[in-house]
C-alpha cells in the first residue's frame, strides 16, 4: 500500500501489485485504486470500487509518486509529479 485515506467510513487505498506475463515472469507493476465501504470490508479485501491507475516496469519508483489529494462529493482526486486525475466513486455510496 502506498497511500490511504479514511473519510466517513470509506477507506481509500493506493496499492502496487505485480503482474506476470504468459511465461510467469514479473514484467510490470500496476498501481490500483481501491475503495472499501467500511473497516470490515477493508480488512476482508471486499472493495466496492477498483481501478488501475498507472503501470511501471519492475524496479521503477514512479508509482510511489502518486498521492491522494482529496475525496469529496463522490470524487477521489489523485496526483503525481506529472498529472492529476479525478475518479468518480458514486457507486460506493
Protein backbone atom coordinates (compact mmCIF):
# COMPACT_ATOMS: atom_id res chain seq x y z
CA UNK A 1 0.00 0.00 0.00
CA UNK A 2 1.46 3.36 -0.99
CA UNK A 3 -1.25 5.65 0.39
CA UNK A 4 -4.55 5.53 2.20
CA UNK A 5 -7.23 7.87 3.47
CA UNK A 6 -10.30 7.30 5.65
CA UNK A 7 -13.27 9.60 5.15
CA UNK A 8 -16.76 8.98 6.56
CA UNK A 9 -16.19 5.22 6.84
CA UNK A 10 -14.86 4.98 3.27
CA UNK A 11 -11.36 3.53 3.11
CA UNK A 12 -9.39 4.65 0.04
CA UNK A 13 -6.10 2.90 -0.77
CA UNK A 14 -3.47 3.05 -3.49
CA UNK A 15 -1.83 -0.36 -3.85
CA UNK A 16 1.03 -1.61 -6.01
CA UNK A 17 0.59 -5.09 -7.45
CA UNK A 18 2.94 -7.18 -9.57
CA UNK A 19 1.58 -8.77 -12.70
CA UNK A 20 3.01 -11.75 -14.51
CA UNK A 21 3.15 -12.32 -18.24
CA UNK A 22 2.44 -15.55 -20.10
CA UNK A 23 5.84 -17.02 -19.15
CA UNK A 24 5.29 -16.29 -15.42
CA UNK A 25 7.96 -13.60 -15.38
CA UNK A 26 7.23 -10.43 -13.47
CA UNK A 27 7.04 -7.87 -16.25
CA UNK A 28 5.43 -4.78 -14.69
CA UNK A 29 3.81 -3.26 -11.64
CA UNK A 30 0.32 -1.82 -11.50
CA UNK A 31 -0.89 0.96 -9.23
CA UNK A 32 -4.55 0.41 -8.35
CA UNK A 33 -7.13 2.48 -6.52
CA UNK A 34 -9.39 0.54 -4.13
CA UNK A 35 -12.40 1.88 -2.21
CA UNK A 36 -13.91 -0.04 0.72
CA UNK A 37 -17.21 0.84 2.43
CA UNK A 38 -16.05 0.11 5.98
CA UNK A 39 -13.20 -1.26 8.07
CA UNK A 40 -14.51 -4.83 7.98
CA UNK A 41 -14.61 -4.86 4.15
CA UNK A 42 -11.13 -3.27 4.01
CA UNK A 43 -9.69 -6.00 6.24
CA UNK A 44 -11.58 -8.69 4.26
CA UNK A 45 -10.47 -7.26 0.90
CA UNK A 46 -14.04 -6.66 -0.37
CA UNK A 47 -13.82 -3.46 -2.42
CA UNK A 48 -16.84 -1.55 -3.74
CA UNK A 49 -14.61 0.10 -6.38
CA UNK A 50 -11.37 -0.82 -8.15
CA UNK A 51 -9.45 0.94 -10.94
CA UNK A 52 -5.96 0.58 -12.43
CA UNK A 53 -4.28 3.99 -12.30
CA UNK A 54 -0.75 3.52 -13.69
CA UNK A 55 1.76 0.90 -14.90
CA UNK A 56 5.55 0.85 -14.49
CA UNK A 57 8.37 -1.61 -15.21
CA UNK A 58 9.94 -3.58 -12.33
CA UNK A 59 12.41 -1.54 -10.30
CA UNK A 60 10.78 1.79 -11.17
CA UNK A 61 9.83 4.03 -8.27
CA UNK A 62 7.40 6.17 -10.35
CA UNK A 63 4.32 4.53 -8.85
CA UNK A 64 5.29 5.76 -5.39
CA UNK A 65 4.90 9.38 -6.59
CA UNK A 66 1.09 9.10 -6.65
CA UNK A 67 -0.76 10.79 -3.77
CA UNK A 68 -4.39 11.01 -2.66
CA UNK A 69 -5.27 14.71 -2.81
CA UNK A 70 -8.92 14.74 -1.83
CA UNK A 71 -12.14 12.79 -1.52
CA UNK A 72 -15.23 14.97 -1.82
CA UNK A 73 -18.76 14.57 -3.21
CA UNK A 74 -18.12 11.08 -4.59
CA UNK A 75 -14.89 12.02 -6.38
CA UNK A 76 -11.36 10.95 -5.45
CA UNK A 77 -8.57 13.16 -6.79
CA UNK A 78 -5.10 11.65 -7.31
CA UNK A 79 -1.88 13.30 -8.48
CA UNK A 80 1.73 12.51 -9.22
CA UNK A 81 4.58 14.73 -10.42
CA UNK A 82 3.18 14.93 -13.96
CA UNK A 83 -0.60 14.67 -13.90
CA UNK A 84 -3.76 14.84 -11.83
CA UNK A 85 -6.85 12.66 -12.28
CA UNK A 86 -10.31 12.59 -10.73
CA UNK A 87 -12.26 9.32 -10.35
CA UNK A 88 -15.97 9.08 -9.59
CA UNK A 89 -16.79 6.59 -6.84
CA UNK A 90 -20.52 7.24 -6.51
CA UNK A 91 -21.35 3.50 -6.59
CA UNK A 92 -19.82 3.22 -3.10
CA UNK A 93 -22.46 5.44 -1.50
